[in-house]
Protein backbone atom coordinates (compact mmCIF):
# COMPACT_ATOMS: atom_id res chain seq x y z
CA UNK A 1 217.93 201.47 32.52
CA UNK A 2 217.92 199.62 35.75
CA UNK A 3 214.42 200.67 36.42
CA UNK A 4 213.34 199.03 33.19
CA UNK A 5 214.56 195.53 34.39
CA UNK A 6 211.59 193.14 34.07
CA UNK A 7 211.16 191.43 37.31
CA UNK A 8 209.19 188.31 37.96
CA UNK A 9 206.10 190.29 39.17
CA UNK A 10 206.51 192.75 36.25
CA UNK A 11 206.58 189.73 33.80
CA UNK A 12 203.43 188.20 35.26
CA UNK A 13 201.77 191.69 35.30
CA UNK A 14 202.73 192.29 31.66
CA UNK A 15 201.63 188.72 30.57
CA UNK A 16 198.21 189.56 32.04
CA UNK A 17 197.94 193.05 30.55
CA UNK A 18 200.77 195.13 28.90
CA UNK A 19 198.87 198.34 29.69
CA UNK A 20 199.01 197.57 33.37
CA UNK A 21 202.88 196.95 33.09
CA UNK A 22 203.26 200.24 31.32
CA UNK A 23 201.31 202.11 33.90
CA UNK A 24 203.07 200.53 36.62
CA UNK A 25 206.52 201.81 35.30
CA UNK A 26 205.32 205.21 33.97
CA UNK A 27 202.23 206.22 35.98
CA UNK A 28 202.51 204.58 39.20
CA UNK A 29 200.66 207.32 41.10
CA UNK A 30 197.53 206.07 39.18
CA UNK A 31 197.48 202.78 41.15
CA UNK A 32 194.40 202.08 43.09
CA UNK A 33 194.72 202.36 46.82
CA UNK A 34 195.62 199.01 48.29
CA UNK A 35 192.65 197.70 50.18
CA UNK A 36 192.91 196.12 53.59
CA UNK A 37 192.10 192.85 52.22
CA UNK A 38 194.68 192.97 49.61
CA UNK A 39 197.36 194.10 52.02
CA UNK A 40 196.29 191.12 54.27
CA UNK A 41 196.94 188.83 51.36
CA UNK A 42 200.52 190.38 50.90
CA UNK A 43 201.31 190.00 54.57
CA UNK A 44 200.19 186.51 54.54
CA UNK A 45 202.44 185.63 51.60
CA UNK A 46 205.41 187.27 53.58
CA UNK A 47 204.64 185.29 56.73
CA UNK A 48 204.44 181.99 54.91
CA UNK A 49 207.59 182.58 53.09
CA UNK A 50 209.36 183.45 56.34
CA UNK A 51 208.16 180.44 58.02
CA UNK A 52 209.13 178.18 54.94
CA UNK A 53 212.63 179.36 55.37
CA UNK A 54 212.92 177.17 58.43
CA UNK A 55 212.66 174.11 56.15
CA UNK A 56 216.21 175.07 55.27
CA UNK A 57 217.65 176.76 58.47
CA UNK A 58 220.81 178.67 58.82
CA UNK A 59 220.62 180.56 55.56
CA UNK A 60 221.59 184.23 55.02
CA UNK A 61 219.06 186.82 53.67
CA UNK A 62 220.63 188.51 50.71
CA UNK A 63 217.84 191.16 50.28
CA UNK A 64 218.53 194.77 50.95
CA UNK A 65 216.05 196.97 52.71
CA UNK A 66 214.85 199.26 50.00
CA UNK A 67 213.33 198.03 46.74
CA UNK A 68 215.63 200.33 44.82
CA UNK A 69 218.66 198.55 46.12
CA UNK A 70 218.70 196.11 43.37
CA UNK A 71 222.29 196.29 42.38
CA UNK A 72 223.32 195.89 46.14
CA UNK A 73 221.15 192.80 46.48
CA UNK A 74 222.55 191.15 43.20
CA UNK A 75 226.10 191.86 44.20
CA UNK A 76 225.59 190.51 47.76
CA UNK A 77 224.03 187.36 46.38
CA UNK A 78 227.18 186.76 44.14
CA UNK A 79 229.48 187.34 47.09
CA UNK A 80 227.54 184.82 49.24
CA UNK A 81 227.69 182.25 46.52
CA UNK A 82 231.29 182.76 45.79
CA UNK A 83 232.24 182.49 49.52
CA UNK A 84 230.61 179.03 49.87
CA UNK A 85 227.34 179.86 51.50
CA UNK A 86 225.03 177.02 51.02
CA UNK A 87 221.50 178.33 51.89
CA UNK A 88 220.60 181.78 50.76
CA UNK A 89 217.17 183.52 51.23
CA UNK A 90 215.88 186.16 48.72
CA UNK A 91 218.83 185.51 46.36
CA UNK A 92 218.82 188.20 43.68
CA UNK A 93 219.71 187.74 40.00
CA UNK A 94 219.82 189.75 36.75
CA UNK A 95 221.01 189.17 33.26
CA UNK A 96 220.93 192.89 32.40
CA UNK A 97 217.22 192.94 31.24
CA UNK A 98 215.39 190.76 33.70
CA UNK A 99 215.44 190.36 37.57
CA UNK A 100 214.25 187.97 39.94
CA UNK A 101 214.48 187.26 43.82
CA UNK A 102 214.48 183.47 44.63
CA UNK A 103 212.89 182.74 47.97
CA UNK A 104 215.26 180.07 48.95
CA UNK A 105 218.47 178.95 47.17
CA UNK A 106 220.33 175.73 48.31
CA UNK A 107 223.67 174.28 47.51
CA UNK A 108 222.80 170.55 47.52
CA UNK A 109 225.12 167.55 46.84
CA UNK A 110 224.78 167.67 42.98
CA UNK A 111 224.38 171.43 42.53
CA UNK A 112 222.11 174.42 43.20
CA UNK A 113 218.40 173.95 43.87
CA UNK A 114 215.82 176.86 43.94
CA UNK A 115 212.61 176.85 46.00
CA UNK A 116 209.86 179.36 45.35
CA UNK A 117 207.40 179.65 48.17
CA UNK A 118 203.60 180.33 47.69
CA UNK A 119 200.92 180.76 50.29
CA UNK A 120 198.37 178.70 48.19
CA UNK A 121 197.44 175.14 48.93
CA UNK A 122 198.16 173.86 45.33
CA UNK A 123 200.19 174.87 42.31
CA UNK A 124 198.32 177.39 40.09
CA UNK A 125 198.91 177.92 36.40
CA UNK A 126 200.41 181.51 36.92
CA UNK A 127 202.73 180.14 39.49
CA UNK A 128 204.25 177.69 36.94
CA UNK A 129 204.94 180.81 34.56
CA UNK A 130 206.29 182.40 37.67
CA UNK A 131 208.86 179.73 38.36
CA UNK A 132 209.64 179.29 34.65
CA UNK A 133 210.65 182.85 34.55
CA UNK A 134 212.82 182.87 37.58
CA UNK A 135 214.73 179.74 36.18
CA UNK A 136 215.28 181.64 32.94
CA UNK A 137 216.68 184.66 34.81
CA UNK A 138 218.96 182.59 37.18
CA UNK A 139 220.47 180.38 34.54
CA UNK A 140 220.95 183.32 31.99
CA UNK A 141 222.67 185.19 34.94
CA UNK A 142 225.24 182.40 34.96
CA UNK A 143 224.25 180.07 37.87
CA UNK A 144 223.36 176.66 36.71
CA UNK A 145 220.28 175.06 38.51
CA UNK A 146 219.97 171.39 38.98
CA UNK A 147 216.39 171.65 40.00
CA UNK A 148 213.65 174.20 40.81
CA UNK A 149 210.61 173.41 43.16
CA UNK A 150 207.68 175.12 44.50
CA UNK A 151 206.73 175.00 48.18
CA UNK A 152 203.08 175.43 49.09
CA UNK A 153 200.85 174.83 52.06
CA UNK A 154 199.34 171.35 52.51
CA UNK A 155 195.60 171.76 53.23
CA UNK A 156 195.45 168.23 54.46
CA UNK A 157 197.65 168.95 57.48
CA UNK A 158 195.84 169.00 60.80
CA UNK A 159 197.69 170.79 63.55
CA UNK A 160 198.31 168.88 66.83
CA UNK A 161 200.56 170.77 69.18
CA UNK A 162 203.60 172.44 67.69
CA UNK A 163 203.73 173.08 63.94
CA UNK A 164 205.25 170.19 61.95
CA UNK A 165 206.80 172.19 59.03
CA UNK A 166 207.51 169.08 56.98
CA UNK A 167 203.75 168.23 57.11
CA UNK A 168 202.56 171.93 56.80
CA UNK A 169 204.47 172.42 53.42
CA UNK A 170 204.49 170.49 50.32
CA UNK A 171 207.38 170.67 47.87
CA UNK A 172 206.61 169.99 44.32
CA UNK A 173 209.36 169.67 41.71
CA UNK A 174 208.78 172.02 38.86
CA UNK A 175 211.80 171.21 36.66
CA UNK A 176 210.20 169.01 34.12
CA UNK A 177 207.33 171.33 33.69
CA UNK A 178 209.21 174.56 33.28
CA UNK A 179 212.26 173.36 31.11
CA UNK A 180 210.02 173.03 27.93
CA UNK A 181 208.76 176.61 28.60
CA UNK A 182 212.10 178.23 28.50
CA UNK A 183 212.29 178.65 24.65
CA UNK A 184 208.95 180.58 24.63
CA UNK A 185 209.97 183.15 27.39
CA UNK A 186 211.87 185.59 24.97
CA UNK A 187 208.82 185.82 22.73
CA UNK A 188 206.78 186.89 25.61
CA UNK A 189 209.55 189.10 27.30
CA UNK A 190 210.97 191.24 24.48
CA UNK A 191 207.63 192.61 23.27
CA UNK A 192 207.18 194.03 26.80
CA UNK A 193 210.74 195.51 26.68
CA UNK A 194 210.07 197.06 23.36
CA UNK A 195 206.81 198.45 24.53
CA UNK A 196 208.48 200.12 27.44
CA UNK A 197 211.33 201.55 25.32
CA UNK A 198 208.82 202.96 22.86
CA UNK A 199 207.27 205.15 25.80
CA UNK A 200 203.71 204.88 24.27
CA UNK A 201 200.96 203.46 26.51
CA UNK A 202 199.23 200.60 24.66
CA UNK A 203 195.38 200.88 24.07
CA UNK A 204 193.82 197.86 25.51
CA UNK A 205 190.24 197.67 26.36
CA UNK A 206 189.03 196.34 29.73
CA UNK A 207 188.05 192.83 29.84
CA UNK A 208 188.56 189.42 31.56
CA UNK A 209 192.25 190.14 31.95
CA UNK A 210 191.42 192.85 34.43
CA UNK A 211 190.82 190.23 37.12
CA UNK A 212 192.71 187.11 35.94
CA UNK A 213 194.98 185.92 37.69
CA UNK A 214 195.03 188.99 39.76
CA UNK A 215 192.72 191.95 40.32
CA UNK A 216 194.48 194.74 38.47
CA UNK A 217 195.37 197.83 40.56
CA UNK A 218 194.82 200.33 37.83
CA UNK A 219 191.02 199.52 37.46
CA UNK A 220 190.07 203.06 38.35
CA UNK A 221 192.26 204.64 35.84
CA UNK A 222 190.97 202.45 33.02
CA UNK A 223 187.41 202.86 33.99
CA UNK A 224 187.65 206.69 33.64
CA UNK A 225 188.35 206.01 29.89
CA UNK A 226 185.18 204.06 29.25
CA UNK A 227 181.75 205.55 29.28
CA UNK A 228 178.99 203.66 31.12
CA UNK A 229 177.69 200.73 29.20
CA UNK A 230 174.62 201.76 27.40
CA UNK A 231 172.68 198.72 28.41
CA UNK A 232 173.15 199.33 32.05
CA UNK A 233 170.08 201.60 32.17
CA UNK A 234 167.75 199.41 30.13
CA UNK A 235 164.41 198.71 31.84
CA UNK A 236 164.43 195.51 33.81
CA UNK A 237 160.99 194.32 34.79
CA UNK A 238 160.22 193.40 38.51
CA UNK A 239 158.93 189.85 39.23
CA UNK A 240 156.99 188.28 42.03
CA UNK A 241 155.87 184.58 41.80
CA UNK A 242 153.52 184.46 44.64
CA UNK A 243 152.89 180.73 44.46
CA UNK A 244 156.63 180.01 44.73
CA UNK A 245 156.99 182.35 47.61
CA UNK A 246 153.98 180.85 49.46
CA UNK A 247 155.45 177.35 48.89
CA UNK A 248 158.75 178.46 50.61
CA UNK A 249 156.89 180.18 53.44
CA UNK A 250 154.62 177.20 54.11
CA UNK A 251 157.63 175.04 54.75
CA UNK A 252 158.77 177.21 57.66
CA UNK A 253 158.16 175.88 61.20
CA UNK A 254 157.99 178.15 64.24
CA UNK A 255 159.88 179.06 66.30
CA UNK A 256 162.17 180.70 63.55
CA UNK A 257 165.77 181.05 64.19
CA UNK A 258 167.50 183.71 62.04
CA UNK A 259 171.14 182.66 61.97
CA UNK A 260 174.48 184.11 60.65
CA UNK A 261 178.02 183.14 61.19
CA UNK A 262 181.36 185.09 60.77
CA UNK A 263 184.63 183.02 60.24
CA UNK A 264 188.33 183.73 60.01
CA UNK A 265 191.02 181.94 58.00
CA UNK A 266 194.60 181.49 58.93
CA UNK A 267 197.01 180.37 56.32
CA UNK A 268 199.17 178.79 59.03
CA UNK A 269 196.73 176.98 61.37
CA UNK A 270 196.67 178.51 64.82
CA UNK A 271 194.70 175.96 66.69
CA UNK A 272 194.86 172.25 67.28
CA UNK A 273 192.39 170.32 64.86
CA UNK A 274 192.51 173.04 62.27
CA UNK A 275 194.08 173.11 58.85
CA UNK A 276 195.54 175.81 56.51
CA UNK A 277 192.91 178.25 55.42
CA UNK A 278 190.20 176.46 57.32
CA UNK A 279 187.23 178.84 58.06
CA UNK A 280 187.16 179.07 61.82
CA UNK A 281 183.76 180.35 62.96
CA UNK A 282 184.31 183.12 65.64
CA UNK A 283 180.94 184.75 65.95
CA UNK A 284 177.19 184.11 65.44
CA UNK A 285 174.02 186.13 65.62
CA UNK A 286 170.60 184.66 66.20
CA UNK A 287 167.27 186.36 66.08
CA UNK A 288 164.49 184.13 67.49
CA UNK A 289 160.74 184.43 66.89
CA UNK A 290 158.49 182.00 68.79
CA UNK A 291 155.28 182.76 67.01
CA UNK A 292 154.39 184.61 63.60
CA UNK A 293 152.94 187.63 65.59
CA UNK A 294 155.41 187.36 68.55
CA UNK A 295 158.30 189.54 69.47
CA UNK A 296 161.79 188.80 68.19
CA UNK A 297 164.57 188.06 70.67
CA UNK A 298 168.24 188.54 69.88
CA UNK A 299 171.15 186.32 71.00
CA UNK A 300 174.87 186.29 69.87
CA UNK A 301 178.41 185.02 70.61
CA UNK A 302 181.77 186.59 69.79
CA UNK A 303 185.04 184.77 70.50
CA UNK A 304 188.00 186.11 72.56
CA UNK A 305 191.36 185.80 71.10
CA UNK A 306 193.68 184.06 71.50
CA UNK A 307 191.58 181.13 72.42
CA UNK A 308 190.09 178.83 69.79
CA UNK A 309 186.42 180.19 69.55
CA UNK A 310 184.84 176.85 68.19
CA UNK A 311 184.19 175.01 71.53
CA UNK A 312 182.40 177.77 73.16
CA UNK A 313 180.67 178.92 69.82
CA UNK A 314 179.14 175.40 69.16
CA UNK A 315 178.05 174.96 72.83
CA UNK A 316 176.37 178.26 72.91
CA UNK A 317 174.75 177.83 69.53
CA UNK A 318 173.37 174.47 70.22
CA UNK A 319 171.88 175.61 73.43
CA UNK A 320 170.11 178.58 71.68
CA UNK A 321 168.82 176.67 68.76
CA UNK A 322 166.63 174.26 70.64
CA UNK A 323 165.42 171.01 69.15
CA UNK A 324 162.72 172.17 66.64
CA UNK A 325 161.84 175.14 64.49
CA UNK A 326 163.31 176.45 61.14
CA UNK A 327 166.79 177.80 61.02
CA UNK A 328 166.89 180.56 58.50
CA UNK A 329 170.07 181.70 56.84
CA UNK A 330 171.27 183.41 53.68
CA UNK A 331 173.34 180.86 51.65
CA UNK A 332 173.13 177.65 53.63
CA UNK A 333 176.26 176.33 51.97
CA UNK A 334 178.40 178.49 54.20
CA UNK A 335 176.84 177.82 57.65
CA UNK A 336 176.20 174.11 56.75
CA UNK A 337 179.91 173.62 55.86
CA UNK A 338 181.05 175.33 58.97
CA UNK A 339 178.81 173.16 61.07
CA UNK A 340 180.03 169.80 59.36
CA UNK A 341 183.62 171.05 59.89
CA UNK A 342 182.98 171.45 63.65
CA UNK A 343 181.28 167.93 63.77
CA UNK A 344 184.33 166.58 62.07
CA UNK A 345 186.88 168.26 64.41
CA UNK A 346 184.78 167.93 67.53
CA UNK A 347 182.91 164.57 67.20
CA UNK A 348 181.24 164.91 70.53
CA UNK A 349 179.01 167.50 69.14
CA UNK A 350 178.44 165.47 65.76
CA UNK A 351 174.99 163.89 66.69
CA UNK A 352 173.43 167.28 67.81
CA UNK A 353 174.83 169.13 64.75
CA UNK A 354 173.53 166.59 62.31
CA UNK A 355 170.02 167.16 63.63
CA UNK A 356 170.21 170.81 62.59
CA UNK A 357 170.62 170.34 58.78
CA UNK A 358 166.97 169.24 58.07
CA UNK A 359 165.77 172.36 59.89
CA UNK A 360 167.83 174.87 57.72
CA UNK A 361 165.78 177.05 55.28
CA UNK A 362 167.81 179.27 52.86
CA UNK A 363 166.19 182.55 52.39
CA UNK A 364 168.52 183.36 49.47
CA UNK A 365 166.83 180.63 47.31
CA UNK A 366 163.67 182.64 46.37
CA UNK A 367 165.82 185.59 45.25
CA UNK A 368 168.33 183.34 43.39
CA UNK A 369 165.49 181.82 41.50
CA UNK A 370 163.97 185.32 41.00
CA UNK A 371 160.80 184.50 42.55
CA UNK A 372 161.05 187.99 43.93
CA UNK A 373 163.01 190.42 41.93
CA UNK A 374 163.18 194.23 41.42
CA UNK A 375 165.61 196.21 39.27
CA UNK A 376 167.03 197.62 42.34
CA UNK A 377 168.76 194.29 43.05
CA UNK A 378 170.96 194.91 39.99
CA UNK A 379 170.83 191.29 38.96
CA UNK A 380 172.29 190.17 42.23
CA UNK A 381 170.82 187.93 45.03
CA UNK A 382 173.31 188.86 47.67
CA UNK A 383 172.02 190.01 50.96
CA UNK A 384 173.72 193.32 50.40
CA UNK A 385 171.78 193.83 47.11
CA UNK A 386 168.35 192.43 48.18
CA UNK A 387 168.27 194.32 51.50
CA UNK A 388 168.13 197.85 50.25
CA UNK A 389 165.83 196.99 47.45
CA UNK A 390 163.09 195.64 49.77
CA UNK A 391 163.68 197.36 53.19
CA UNK A 392 164.41 201.04 53.01
CA UNK A 393 164.61 201.77 56.62
CA UNK A 394 167.67 199.50 57.28
CA UNK A 395 171.15 199.95 55.94
CA UNK A 396 174.61 198.59 56.34
CA UNK A 397 176.05 202.12 55.54
CA UNK A 398 175.42 203.21 59.06
CA UNK A 399 177.82 200.57 60.45
CA UNK A 400 181.50 200.71 60.94
CA UNK A 401 181.78 197.26 59.47
CA UNK A 402 179.89 196.71 56.27
CA UNK A 403 180.95 193.35 54.80
CA UNK A 404 182.28 189.99 56.12
CA UNK A 405 185.74 190.40 54.86
CA UNK A 406 186.32 193.56 57.05
CA UNK A 407 184.87 191.72 60.02
CA UNK A 408 187.35 188.82 59.74
CA UNK A 409 190.35 191.33 59.50
CA UNK A 410 188.76 193.39 62.64
CA UNK A 411 188.66 190.08 64.46
CA UNK A 412 192.15 189.12 63.53
CA UNK A 413 193.46 192.56 64.72
CA UNK A 414 192.14 191.72 68.14
CA UNK A 415 195.05 189.05 68.46
CA UNK A 416 197.45 191.92 68.55
CA UNK A 417 195.60 195.02 69.72
CA UNK A 418 196.50 195.75 73.44
CA UNK A 419 194.34 199.00 73.78
CA UNK A 420 191.40 198.11 75.95
CA UNK A 421 189.15 200.86 74.41
CA UNK A 422 189.97 199.91 70.93
CA UNK A 423 189.36 196.30 71.73
CA UNK A 424 185.94 197.35 73.22
CA UNK A 425 185.07 199.36 70.13
CA UNK A 426 186.05 196.54 67.82
CA UNK A 427 184.03 193.98 69.61
CA UNK A 428 180.98 196.25 69.63
CA UNK A 429 181.43 197.04 65.91
CA UNK A 430 181.60 193.32 65.21
CA UNK A 431 178.45 192.47 67.38
CA UNK A 432 176.34 195.19 65.58
CA UNK A 433 177.53 193.87 62.00
CA UNK A 434 176.65 190.34 62.69
CA UNK A 435 173.43 191.45 64.33
CA UNK A 436 172.56 193.46 61.22
CA UNK A 437 172.96 190.21 59.09
CA UNK A 438 170.18 188.40 61.02
CA UNK A 439 167.96 191.49 61.47
CA UNK A 440 168.11 191.79 57.80
CA UNK A 441 166.73 188.23 57.43
CA UNK A 442 163.83 189.15 59.79
CA UNK A 443 162.96 192.14 57.91
CA UNK A 444 163.27 190.48 54.43
CA UNK A 445 161.12 187.49 55.53
CA UNK A 446 158.51 189.89 56.80
CA UNK A 447 158.37 191.62 53.30
CA UNK A 448 157.52 188.25 51.87
């Protein structure tokens, strides 16, 4: 019955949705293909976990290469503890029904302390459940724990030179929070074990649990079981409020600058004057139209890893934007926030950046307020929904990169890609994608 051991991840999965747990054990081939974005999240977690081990250097890794080598990992952990090791990474424990791997186990002056590492910047509710389950497994397996803590990234840490791990990470004690939770764990655990032993997949309708706290990886399987919502094909009237549209248009001042940024986030800050998960703009596209009937010119910038792109990015952008004229964006919160962050981190540009904000016009606003709406927008005001509804001769589907998340991953891959031809192709695709974003703004405004 080793394959029926409930691990930490299985417990969290089963708490979110018992059907997902059942499928994970019994029909794993039905799992959705892992997206590049999701794989990046997993890889980030591993990288942060490995770095956090350096807070407690000199430890021994108790894990065994293959996931199926559970018994070996448990036995090796026990051997390390019994031989007097004081720092163990990936220590494995089981009480015969449950299983957990603890990121860092440390023998301190008054006993054993456990440290679970998370790549988040604060403690989340599911992580408390996570740590509570680990404490339950470890203590039931026979090892007393004096304390258990959660290690996460500190988003107030600003890098200057070499990483300061004790500033980069925050250690929060979880002991007092998880001890009162121990009595309730069997009541959540044993129904899951009973369900697995019964061998019958539970019938659970799709709902909010499908994405909270994690997007389920059996969505496609479950969707096949449910017919299309009868309400999805109901007639939805189009709407055009010309007065509101005219008011928006009248506020625009030529020349018009159609602007879009792309940004990348590093969990572990790569550059000086940056923080964990700070959005680092690495690219912009700018279409410029001097007069209403005049031609549209295009300008762009794309950073070059491994250098911090922000100094060249803002120098180039400020030169292109001039001193007057409306700056048209889609969802001004994103671009404005990136500009404010650059002004904060590079104060020599702050005055010139501050002058930009009063020029910004958010083209998303008329669509968010449904001053212009068609059923083809499917109740969405995202650029990817509005563009095909209004502009039939322009499509992202013709591009290699079709959304911002992929653009960020492609740019990050340039940090490691040594093939000149691949680098050239990736850069060309990034430039075409960002250019499409601002060309879309040009076309949509023309439709208004």
